[in-house]
């Protein structure tokens, strides 16, 4: 039977303590049940942006090599963004092995993604980004792009059967 390296578990416990005790404004995360290697997270849309008012759900999957290797992070909520693939995968340097540092933690990851929402990297890939339609609209028609994002935020609010999002500041 394979055992989990204690470093990964210790680090994930430390990350969990930090995110529960001292999470940056607008982000939250926790392991799924008793599984330290699968987390659910939410990012609140940054205020003063088209994303404001939205709550963006993510899943973080950690390997036993964490923190030496970055987790796989994907949006679960529909996102229209130049750096987000249709399957929710995020094109962000610090989530790639080449841009990752073991000094990064869950809070660092979530804040970086929150910042990316407001400030897309339109030079992420020479092929035209994770979502070429979003990138094209962002570059040539910022108002149209913002309208599309605001429509997603509105759709979230309308689809919120339990009224959970209406309580979000």
N, C-alpha and C. Protein backbone atom coordinates (compact mmCIF):
# COMPACT_ATOMS: atom_id res chain seq x y z
N UNK A 1 0.84 -1.19 0.00
CA UNK A 1 0.00 0.00 0.00
C UNK A 1 0.88 1.25 0.00
N UNK A 2 0.62 2.15 -0.92
CA UNK A 2 1.40 3.39 -1.01
C UNK A 2 0.98 4.34 0.10
N UNK A 3 1.95 5.04 0.62
CA UNK A 3 1.64 6.03 1.65
C UNK A 3 1.90 7.42 1.10
N UNK A 4 1.18 8.37 1.63
CA UNK A 4 1.33 9.75 1.22
C UNK A 4 2.55 10.35 1.90
N UNK A 5 3.41 11.01 1.14
CA UNK A 5 4.57 11.65 1.76
C UNK A 5 4.10 12.66 2.82
N UNK A 6 4.72 12.61 4.00
CA UNK A 6 4.28 13.50 5.07
C UNK A 6 4.45 14.98 4.73
N UNK A 7 5.43 15.31 3.87
CA UNK A 7 5.62 16.72 3.51
C UNK A 7 4.39 17.30 2.83
N UNK A 8 3.79 16.55 1.93
CA UNK A 8 2.60 17.04 1.22
C UNK A 8 1.46 17.24 2.21
N UNK A 9 1.23 16.28 3.07
CA UNK A 9 0.15 16.41 4.05
C UNK A 9 0.39 17.58 5.00
N UNK A 10 1.61 17.68 5.51
CA UNK A 10 1.93 18.78 6.42
C UNK A 10 1.70 20.12 5.75
N UNK A 11 2.17 20.23 4.52
CA UNK A 11 2.04 21.50 3.81
C UNK A 11 0.57 21.83 3.55
N UNK A 12 -0.22 20.85 3.14
CA UNK A 12 -1.64 21.09 2.88
C UNK A 12 -2.37 21.48 4.17
N UNK A 13 -2.01 20.87 5.28
CA UNK A 13 -2.60 21.28 6.56
C UNK A 13 -2.22 22.71 6.90
N UNK A 14 -0.97 23.07 6.65
CA UNK A 14 -0.53 24.45 6.89
C UNK A 14 -1.29 25.42 6.00
N UNK A 15 -1.46 25.06 4.72
CA UNK A 15 -2.22 25.91 3.80
C UNK A 15 -3.66 26.06 4.27
N UNK A 16 -4.25 24.96 4.74
CA UNK A 16 -5.63 25.01 5.21
C UNK A 16 -5.76 25.94 6.43
N UNK A 17 -4.82 25.82 7.36
CA UNK A 17 -4.85 26.71 8.53
C UNK A 17 -4.75 28.17 8.10
N UNK A 18 -3.87 28.45 7.15
CA UNK A 18 -3.70 29.83 6.70
C UNK A 18 -4.96 30.35 6.01
N UNK A 19 -5.55 29.54 5.14
CA UNK A 19 -6.71 30.02 4.38
C UNK A 19 -7.93 30.18 5.29
N UNK A 20 -8.00 29.42 6.39
CA UNK A 20 -9.13 29.59 7.31
C UNK A 20 -8.89 30.70 8.32
N UNK A 21 -7.65 30.91 8.72
CA UNK A 21 -7.35 31.92 9.73
C UNK A 21 -7.04 33.29 9.15
N UNK A 22 -6.48 33.31 7.96
CA UNK A 22 -5.98 34.59 7.43
C UNK A 22 -6.13 34.66 5.92
N UNK A 23 -7.29 34.28 5.42
CA UNK A 23 -7.51 34.29 3.96
C UNK A 23 -7.57 35.72 3.46
N UNK A 24 -7.00 35.97 2.30
CA UNK A 24 -7.13 37.29 1.69
C UNK A 24 -8.61 37.57 1.38
N UNK A 25 -8.95 38.83 1.31
CA UNK A 25 -10.33 39.23 1.02
C UNK A 25 -10.74 38.69 -0.35
N UNK A 26 -11.91 38.08 -0.38
CA UNK A 26 -12.48 37.64 -1.65
C UNK A 26 -12.13 36.24 -2.09
N UNK A 27 -11.48 35.46 -1.23
CA UNK A 27 -11.17 34.07 -1.58
C UNK A 27 -11.44 33.17 -0.39
N UNK A 28 -11.78 31.93 -0.68
CA UNK A 28 -12.02 30.94 0.36
C UNK A 28 -11.75 29.56 -0.23
N UNK A 29 -11.29 28.64 0.60
CA UNK A 29 -11.02 27.28 0.12
C UNK A 29 -10.99 26.32 1.30
N UNK A 30 -11.27 25.06 0.99
CA UNK A 30 -11.21 24.01 2.01
C UNK A 30 -11.14 22.66 1.32
N UNK A 31 -10.54 21.68 2.01
CA UNK A 31 -10.53 20.32 1.46
C UNK A 31 -11.95 19.77 1.33
N UNK A 32 -12.11 18.85 0.40
CA UNK A 32 -13.40 18.17 0.21
C UNK A 32 -13.45 17.01 1.20
N UNK A 33 -14.29 17.11 2.20
CA UNK A 33 -14.39 16.06 3.21
C UNK A 33 -13.06 15.85 3.92
N UNK A 34 -12.63 14.61 3.98
CA UNK A 34 -11.38 14.26 4.65
C UNK A 34 -10.19 14.18 3.68
N UNK A 35 -10.42 14.50 2.43
CA UNK A 35 -9.37 14.37 1.41
C UNK A 35 -8.58 15.66 1.29
N UNK A 36 -7.39 15.69 1.88
CA UNK A 36 -6.55 16.89 1.82
C UNK A 36 -6.08 17.21 0.41
N UNK A 37 -6.19 16.27 -0.51
CA UNK A 37 -5.64 16.46 -1.85
C UNK A 37 -6.66 16.97 -2.86
N UNK A 38 -7.92 17.12 -2.44
CA UNK A 38 -8.97 17.69 -3.29
C UNK A 38 -9.63 18.83 -2.52
N UNK A 39 -9.60 20.03 -3.09
CA UNK A 39 -10.19 21.19 -2.43
C UNK A 39 -11.23 21.84 -3.33
N UNK A 40 -12.21 22.44 -2.70
CA UNK A 40 -13.13 23.35 -3.38
C UNK A 40 -12.75 24.76 -2.96
N UNK A 41 -12.88 25.69 -3.88
CA UNK A 41 -12.56 27.08 -3.57
C UNK A 41 -13.57 27.99 -4.25
N UNK A 42 -13.68 29.20 -3.71
CA UNK A 42 -14.46 30.23 -4.38
C UNK A 42 -13.65 31.51 -4.42
N UNK A 43 -13.87 32.24 -5.48
CA UNK A 43 -13.27 33.56 -5.64
C UNK A 43 -14.42 34.52 -5.92
N UNK A 44 -14.49 35.57 -5.15
CA UNK A 44 -15.47 36.61 -5.39
C UNK A 44 -14.91 37.54 -6.45
N UNK A 45 -15.77 37.94 -7.37
CA UNK A 45 -15.33 38.85 -8.43
C UNK A 45 -14.76 40.12 -7.83
N UNK A 46 -13.60 40.55 -8.32
CA UNK A 46 -12.97 41.76 -7.79
C UNK A 46 -13.88 42.98 -7.94
N UNK A 47 -13.99 43.77 -6.87
CA UNK A 47 -14.84 44.96 -6.93
C UNK A 47 -14.26 45.97 -7.92
N UNK A 48 -15.17 46.71 -8.52
CA UNK A 48 -14.76 47.71 -9.51
C UNK A 48 -14.46 47.12 -10.87
N UNK A 49 -14.79 45.83 -11.07
CA UNK A 49 -14.56 45.18 -12.36
C UNK A 49 -15.88 44.58 -12.86
N UNK A 50 -15.88 44.13 -14.09
CA UNK A 50 -17.07 43.47 -14.63
C UNK A 50 -17.38 42.18 -13.87
N UNK A 51 -16.42 41.63 -13.17
CA UNK A 51 -16.57 40.38 -12.42
C UNK A 51 -17.24 40.60 -11.07
N UNK A 52 -17.37 41.85 -10.63
CA UNK A 52 -17.94 42.16 -9.32
C UNK A 52 -19.34 41.57 -9.17
N UNK A 53 -19.59 40.98 -8.02
CA UNK A 53 -20.89 40.37 -7.75
C UNK A 53 -20.95 38.89 -8.07
N UNK A 54 -19.97 38.40 -8.82
CA UNK A 54 -19.94 36.99 -9.18
C UNK A 54 -19.18 36.18 -8.14
N UNK A 55 -19.54 34.92 -8.06
CA UNK A 55 -18.84 33.97 -7.20
C UNK A 55 -18.38 32.84 -8.09
N UNK A 56 -17.09 32.67 -8.20
CA UNK A 56 -16.49 31.74 -9.16
C UNK A 56 -15.96 30.53 -8.41
N UNK A 57 -16.50 29.36 -8.72
CA UNK A 57 -16.13 28.12 -8.03
C UNK A 57 -14.99 27.43 -8.76
N UNK A 58 -14.07 26.88 -7.97
CA UNK A 58 -12.91 26.17 -8.51
C UNK A 58 -12.70 24.86 -7.77
N UNK A 59 -11.97 23.96 -8.42
CA UNK A 59 -11.51 22.73 -7.80
C UNK A 59 -9.99 22.71 -7.90
N UNK A 60 -9.34 22.42 -6.79
CA UNK A 60 -7.89 22.29 -6.75
C UNK A 60 -7.55 20.84 -6.45
N UNK A 61 -6.73 20.23 -7.30
CA UNK A 61 -6.30 18.84 -7.11
C UNK A 61 -4.79 18.82 -6.91
N UNK A 62 -4.38 18.37 -5.74
CA UNK A 62 -2.97 18.35 -5.38
C UNK A 62 -2.40 16.94 -5.55
N UNK A 63 -1.18 16.86 -6.02
CA UNK A 63 -0.50 15.56 -6.10
C UNK A 63 0.28 15.34 -4.81
N UNK A 64 0.79 14.15 -4.64
CA UNK A 64 1.61 13.86 -3.46
C UNK A 64 2.96 14.56 -3.55
N UNK A 65 3.24 15.19 -4.67
CA UNK A 65 4.49 15.94 -4.83
C UNK A 65 4.35 17.42 -4.47
N UNK A 66 3.15 17.83 -4.04
CA UNK A 66 2.96 19.20 -3.58
C UNK A 66 3.76 19.40 -2.30
N UNK A 67 4.45 20.48 -2.09
CA UNK A 67 4.47 21.72 -2.84
C UNK A 67 5.55 21.82 -3.92
N UNK A 68 6.21 20.71 -4.21
CA UNK A 68 7.24 20.75 -5.25
C UNK A 68 6.62 20.93 -6.64
N UNK A 69 5.38 20.48 -6.80
CA UNK A 69 4.67 20.63 -8.08
C UNK A 69 3.35 21.35 -7.83
N UNK A 70 2.92 22.17 -8.79
CA UNK A 70 1.66 22.93 -8.59
C UNK A 70 0.44 22.02 -8.67
N UNK A 71 -0.65 22.46 -8.05
CA UNK A 71 -1.89 21.69 -8.19
C UNK A 71 -2.52 21.93 -9.55
N UNK A 72 -3.45 21.07 -9.91
CA UNK A 72 -4.30 21.30 -11.07
C UNK A 72 -5.49 22.12 -10.56
N UNK A 73 -5.73 23.27 -11.17
CA UNK A 73 -6.80 24.16 -10.73
C UNK A 73 -7.72 24.41 -11.91
N UNK A 74 -9.02 24.22 -11.68
CA UNK A 74 -10.00 24.43 -12.75
C UNK A 74 -11.24 25.14 -12.20
N UNK A 75 -11.76 26.03 -13.03
CA UNK A 75 -13.04 26.65 -12.70
C UNK A 75 -14.15 25.62 -12.88
N UNK A 76 -15.11 25.64 -11.99
CA UNK A 76 -16.31 24.82 -12.10
C UNK A 76 -17.49 25.68 -12.59
N UNK A 77 -17.35 26.98 -12.41
CA UNK A 77 -18.35 27.94 -12.86
C UNK A 77 -17.99 28.37 -14.28
N UNK A 78 -19.00 28.61 -15.10
CA UNK A 78 -18.75 29.07 -16.46
C UNK A 78 -17.99 30.40 -16.42
N UNK A 79 -16.90 30.47 -17.18
CA UNK A 79 -16.05 31.65 -17.21
C UNK A 79 -15.75 32.01 -18.66
N UNK A 80 -15.91 33.28 -18.99
CA UNK A 80 -15.54 33.79 -20.32
C UNK A 80 -14.33 34.68 -20.11
N UNK A 81 -13.15 34.13 -20.39
CA UNK A 81 -11.90 34.83 -20.06
C UNK A 81 -10.80 34.37 -21.01
N UNK A 82 -9.93 35.29 -21.44
CA UNK A 82 -8.85 34.93 -22.36
C UNK A 82 -7.92 33.83 -21.84
N UNK A 83 -7.80 33.70 -20.53
CA UNK A 83 -6.85 32.76 -19.95
C UNK A 83 -7.50 31.52 -19.34
N UNK A 84 -8.76 31.27 -19.69
CA UNK A 84 -9.46 30.10 -19.17
C UNK A 84 -9.99 29.27 -20.33
N UNK A 85 -9.54 28.01 -20.38
CA UNK A 85 -9.98 27.08 -21.41
C UNK A 85 -11.45 26.70 -21.18
N UNK A 86 -12.13 26.22 -22.21
CA UNK A 86 -13.53 25.81 -22.05
C UNK A 86 -13.77 24.78 -20.94
N UNK A 87 -12.76 23.93 -20.65
CA UNK A 87 -12.92 22.93 -19.58
C UNK A 87 -12.62 23.49 -18.19
N UNK A 88 -12.35 24.80 -18.11
CA UNK A 88 -12.10 25.44 -16.83
C UNK A 88 -10.64 25.53 -16.44
N UNK A 89 -9.76 24.88 -17.21
CA UNK A 89 -8.33 24.94 -16.92
C UNK A 89 -7.85 26.37 -17.09
N UNK A 90 -6.92 26.79 -16.23
CA UNK A 90 -6.46 28.17 -16.20
C UNK A 90 -5.04 28.26 -16.73
N UNK A 91 -4.84 29.18 -17.66
CA UNK A 91 -3.52 29.44 -18.22
C UNK A 91 -2.88 30.56 -17.39
N UNK A 92 -2.06 30.16 -16.44
CA UNK A 92 -1.42 31.09 -15.52
C UNK A 92 -0.03 30.55 -15.20
N UNK A 93 0.99 31.38 -15.37
CA UNK A 93 2.37 30.93 -15.21
C UNK A 93 2.61 30.16 -13.91
N UNK A 94 2.10 30.67 -12.80
CA UNK A 94 2.43 30.01 -11.54
C UNK A 94 1.77 28.65 -11.38
N UNK A 95 0.84 28.30 -12.27
CA UNK A 95 0.23 26.97 -12.24
C UNK A 95 0.95 25.98 -13.16
N UNK A 96 2.00 26.46 -13.81
CA UNK A 96 2.81 25.59 -14.67
C UNK A 96 4.09 25.24 -13.92
N UNK A 97 4.63 24.08 -14.19
CA UNK A 97 5.86 23.66 -13.50
C UNK A 97 6.97 24.69 -13.66
N UNK A 98 7.06 25.29 -14.85
CA UNK A 98 8.14 26.25 -15.12
C UNK A 98 7.98 27.55 -14.33
N UNK A 99 6.77 27.89 -13.93
CA UNK A 99 6.54 29.13 -13.19
C UNK A 99 6.21 28.93 -11.73
N UNK A 100 6.20 27.68 -11.30
CA UNK A 100 5.81 27.34 -9.94
C UNK A 100 6.98 27.46 -8.98
N UNK A 101 6.69 27.84 -7.75
CA UNK A 101 7.67 27.84 -6.66
C UNK A 101 7.03 27.17 -5.45
N UNK A 102 7.78 26.32 -4.73
CA UNK A 102 7.23 25.70 -3.52
C UNK A 102 6.83 26.73 -2.46
N UNK A 103 7.28 27.97 -2.62
CA UNK A 103 6.89 29.03 -1.68
C UNK A 103 5.44 29.44 -1.87
N UNK A 104 4.86 29.17 -3.03
CA UNK A 104 3.46 29.51 -3.28
C UNK A 104 2.56 28.58 -2.47
N UNK A 105 1.43 29.13 -2.04
CA UNK A 105 0.46 28.33 -1.30
C UNK A 105 -0.93 28.55 -1.87
N UNK A 106 -1.94 27.97 -1.24
CA UNK A 106 -3.31 28.08 -1.75
C UNK A 106 -3.74 29.54 -1.83
N UNK A 107 -3.43 30.33 -0.82
CA UNK A 107 -3.81 31.75 -0.85
C UNK A 107 -3.15 32.46 -2.03
N UNK A 108 -1.88 32.20 -2.26
CA UNK A 108 -1.17 32.80 -3.39
C UNK A 108 -1.85 32.46 -4.70
N UNK A 109 -2.22 31.20 -4.85
CA UNK A 109 -2.86 30.73 -6.08
C UNK A 109 -4.19 31.45 -6.30
N UNK A 110 -5.03 31.49 -5.26
CA UNK A 110 -6.35 32.08 -5.41
C UNK A 110 -6.29 33.58 -5.66
N UNK A 111 -5.39 34.27 -5.00
CA UNK A 111 -5.24 35.71 -5.23
C UNK A 111 -4.73 35.96 -6.65
N UNK A 112 -3.81 35.13 -7.13
CA UNK A 112 -3.31 35.28 -8.50
C UNK A 112 -4.43 35.08 -9.51
N UNK A 113 -5.30 34.11 -9.27
CA UNK A 113 -6.42 33.87 -10.18
C UNK A 113 -7.41 35.03 -10.11
N UNK A 114 -7.67 35.52 -8.91
CA UNK A 114 -8.57 36.66 -8.76
C UNK A 114 -8.02 37.88 -9.51
N UNK A 115 -6.73 38.10 -9.42
CA UNK A 115 -6.10 39.21 -10.15
C UNK A 115 -6.17 38.99 -11.65
N UNK A 116 -6.00 37.74 -12.07
CA UNK A 116 -6.06 37.42 -13.49
C UNK A 116 -7.44 37.71 -14.07
N UNK A 117 -8.49 37.48 -13.28
CA UNK A 117 -9.84 37.79 -13.76
C UNK A 117 -9.92 39.25 -14.19
N UNK A 118 -9.42 40.13 -13.34
CA UNK A 118 -9.51 41.57 -13.60
C UNK A 118 -8.50 42.04 -14.64
N UNK A 119 -7.40 41.34 -14.77
CA UNK A 119 -6.32 41.79 -15.65
C UNK A 119 -5.78 40.62 -16.46
N UNK A 120 -6.49 40.22 -17.52
CA UNK A 120 -6.06 39.08 -18.33
C UNK A 120 -4.68 39.28 -18.95
N UNK A 121 -3.98 38.17 -19.13
CA UNK A 121 -2.70 38.17 -19.83
C UNK A 121 -2.98 37.80 -21.28
N UNK A 122 -3.04 38.81 -22.13
CA UNK A 122 -3.37 38.56 -23.54
C UNK A 122 -2.16 38.12 -24.35
N UNK A 123 -1.04 37.91 -23.68
CA UNK A 123 0.17 37.43 -24.36
C UNK A 123 0.59 36.08 -23.78
N UNK A 124 -0.36 35.37 -23.20
CA UNK A 124 -0.04 34.11 -22.51
C UNK A 124 0.50 33.05 -23.45
N UNK A 125 -0.06 32.96 -24.64
CA UNK A 125 0.42 31.98 -25.61
C UNK A 125 0.43 32.61 -27.00
N UNK A 126 1.39 32.24 -27.82
CA UNK A 126 1.44 32.80 -29.17
C UNK A 126 0.26 32.37 -30.04
N UNK A 127 -0.40 31.27 -29.66
CA UNK A 127 -1.52 30.76 -30.45
C UNK A 127 -2.79 31.56 -30.25
N UNK A 128 -2.83 32.44 -29.27
CA UNK A 128 -4.02 33.24 -29.08
C UNK A 128 -4.76 32.98 -27.80
N UNK A 129 -4.12 32.39 -26.84
CA UNK A 129 -4.73 32.24 -25.53
C UNK A 129 -5.60 31.00 -25.38
N UNK A 130 -6.06 30.80 -24.17
CA UNK A 130 -6.88 29.65 -23.82
C UNK A 130 -8.27 29.75 -24.45
N UNK A 131 -8.75 30.98 -24.59
CA UNK A 131 -10.06 31.22 -25.18
C UNK A 131 -9.91 32.34 -26.21
N UNK A 132 -9.61 31.99 -27.47
CA UNK A 132 -9.36 33.01 -28.49
C UNK A 132 -10.53 33.98 -28.69
N UNK A 133 -11.77 33.51 -28.52
CA UNK A 133 -12.92 34.40 -28.67
C UNK A 133 -12.92 35.47 -27.58
N UNK A 134 -12.66 35.05 -26.35
CA UNK A 134 -12.61 35.99 -25.23
C UNK A 134 -11.45 36.96 -25.41
N UNK A 135 -10.31 36.44 -25.85
CA UNK A 135 -9.15 37.31 -26.04
C UNK A 135 -9.41 38.33 -27.14
N UNK A 136 -9.98 37.90 -28.23
CA UNK A 136 -10.27 38.81 -29.34
C UNK A 136 -11.22 39.91 -28.90
N UNK A 137 -12.28 39.54 -28.20
CA UNK A 137 -13.25 40.53 -27.74
C UNK A 137 -12.61 41.47 -26.72
N UNK A 138 -11.81 40.93 -25.81
CA UNK A 138 -11.14 41.74 -24.80
C UNK A 138 -10.23 42.78 -25.46
N UNK A 139 -9.50 42.38 -26.48
CA UNK A 139 -8.54 43.27 -27.14
C UNK A 139 -9.23 44.32 -28.01
N UNK A 140 -10.25 43.92 -28.77
CA UNK A 140 -10.82 44.86 -29.74
C UNK A 140 -12.09 45.56 -29.27
N UNK A 141 -12.78 45.02 -28.26
CA UNK A 141 -14.04 45.62 -27.81
C UNK A 141 -14.20 45.39 -26.31
N UNK A 142 -13.47 46.18 -25.52
CA UNK A 142 -13.47 45.98 -24.06
C UNK A 142 -14.88 46.11 -23.48
N UNK A 143 -15.66 47.04 -24.00
CA UNK A 143 -17.02 47.22 -23.50
C UNK A 143 -17.88 45.97 -23.78
N UNK A 144 -17.73 45.41 -24.96
CA UNK A 144 -18.45 44.18 -25.30
C UNK A 144 -18.02 43.02 -24.43
N UNK A 145 -16.72 42.94 -24.17
CA UNK A 145 -16.18 41.89 -23.29
C UNK A 145 -16.77 42.04 -21.88
N UNK A 146 -16.72 43.26 -21.35
CA UNK A 146 -17.27 43.50 -20.01
C UNK A 146 -18.76 43.18 -19.94
N UNK A 147 -19.48 43.49 -21.00
CA UNK A 147 -20.92 43.17 -21.04
C UNK A 147 -21.15 41.66 -20.97
N UNK A 148 -20.32 40.91 -21.67
CA UNK A 148 -20.45 39.45 -21.66
C UNK A 148 -20.16 38.89 -20.26
N UNK A 149 -19.13 39.43 -19.61
CA UNK A 149 -18.79 38.99 -18.25
C UNK A 149 -19.92 39.35 -17.29
N UNK A 150 -20.44 40.57 -17.40
CA UNK A 150 -21.54 41.00 -16.51
C UNK A 150 -22.77 40.13 -16.73
N UNK A 151 -22.99 39.68 -17.95
CA UNK A 151 -24.12 38.78 -18.23
C UNK A 151 -23.94 37.45 -17.51
N UNK A 152 -22.69 36.96 -17.43
CA UNK A 152 -22.42 35.72 -16.68
C UNK A 152 -22.69 35.91 -15.19
N UNK A 153 -22.29 37.08 -14.67
CA UNK A 153 -22.55 37.38 -13.26
C UNK A 153 -24.06 37.39 -13.02
N UNK A 154 -24.79 38.05 -13.90
CA UNK A 154 -26.25 38.11 -13.77
C UNK A 154 -26.88 36.71 -13.85
N UNK A 155 -26.36 35.89 -14.75
CA UNK A 155 -26.86 34.52 -14.90
C UNK A 155 -26.65 33.74 -13.60
N UNK A 156 -25.51 33.94 -12.96
CA UNK A 156 -25.25 33.29 -11.67
C UNK A 156 -26.32 33.67 -10.65
N UNK A 157 -26.61 34.96 -10.59
CA UNK A 157 -27.59 35.44 -9.62
C UNK A 157 -28.98 34.86 -9.91
N UNK A 158 -29.33 34.76 -11.18
CA UNK A 158 -30.64 34.22 -11.56
C UNK A 158 -30.72 32.72 -11.30
N UNK A 159 -29.60 32.02 -11.44
CA UNK A 159 -29.58 30.57 -11.25
C UNK A 159 -29.41 30.17 -9.78
N UNK A 160 -29.25 31.15 -8.90
CA UNK A 160 -29.00 30.89 -7.49
C UNK A 160 -30.32 30.59 -6.78
N UNK A 161 -30.76 29.34 -6.88
CA UNK A 161 -32.05 28.92 -6.33
C UNK A 161 -32.18 29.15 -4.82
N UNK A 162 -31.09 29.00 -4.10
CA UNK A 162 -31.18 29.07 -2.64
C UNK A 162 -30.95 30.47 -2.10
N UNK A 163 -30.64 31.42 -2.96
CA UNK A 163 -30.40 32.78 -2.49
C UNK A 163 -29.06 32.97 -1.83
N UNK A 164 -28.15 32.03 -2.05
CA UNK A 164 -26.84 32.10 -1.40
C UNK A 164 -26.04 33.31 -1.86
N UNK A 165 -26.10 33.61 -3.14
CA UNK A 165 -25.26 34.68 -3.67
C UNK A 165 -25.78 36.06 -3.29
N UNK A 166 -27.06 36.17 -2.96
CA UNK A 166 -27.59 37.48 -2.60
C UNK A 166 -27.02 37.96 -1.27
N UNK A 167 -26.47 37.05 -0.48
CA UNK A 167 -25.87 37.41 0.80
C UNK A 167 -24.40 37.76 0.66
N UNK A 168 -23.84 37.59 -0.53
CA UNK A 168 -22.43 37.87 -0.75
C UNK A 168 -22.24 39.37 -0.88
N UNK A 169 -21.30 39.94 -0.12
CA UNK A 169 -21.08 41.40 -0.20
C UNK A 169 -20.53 41.81 -1.54
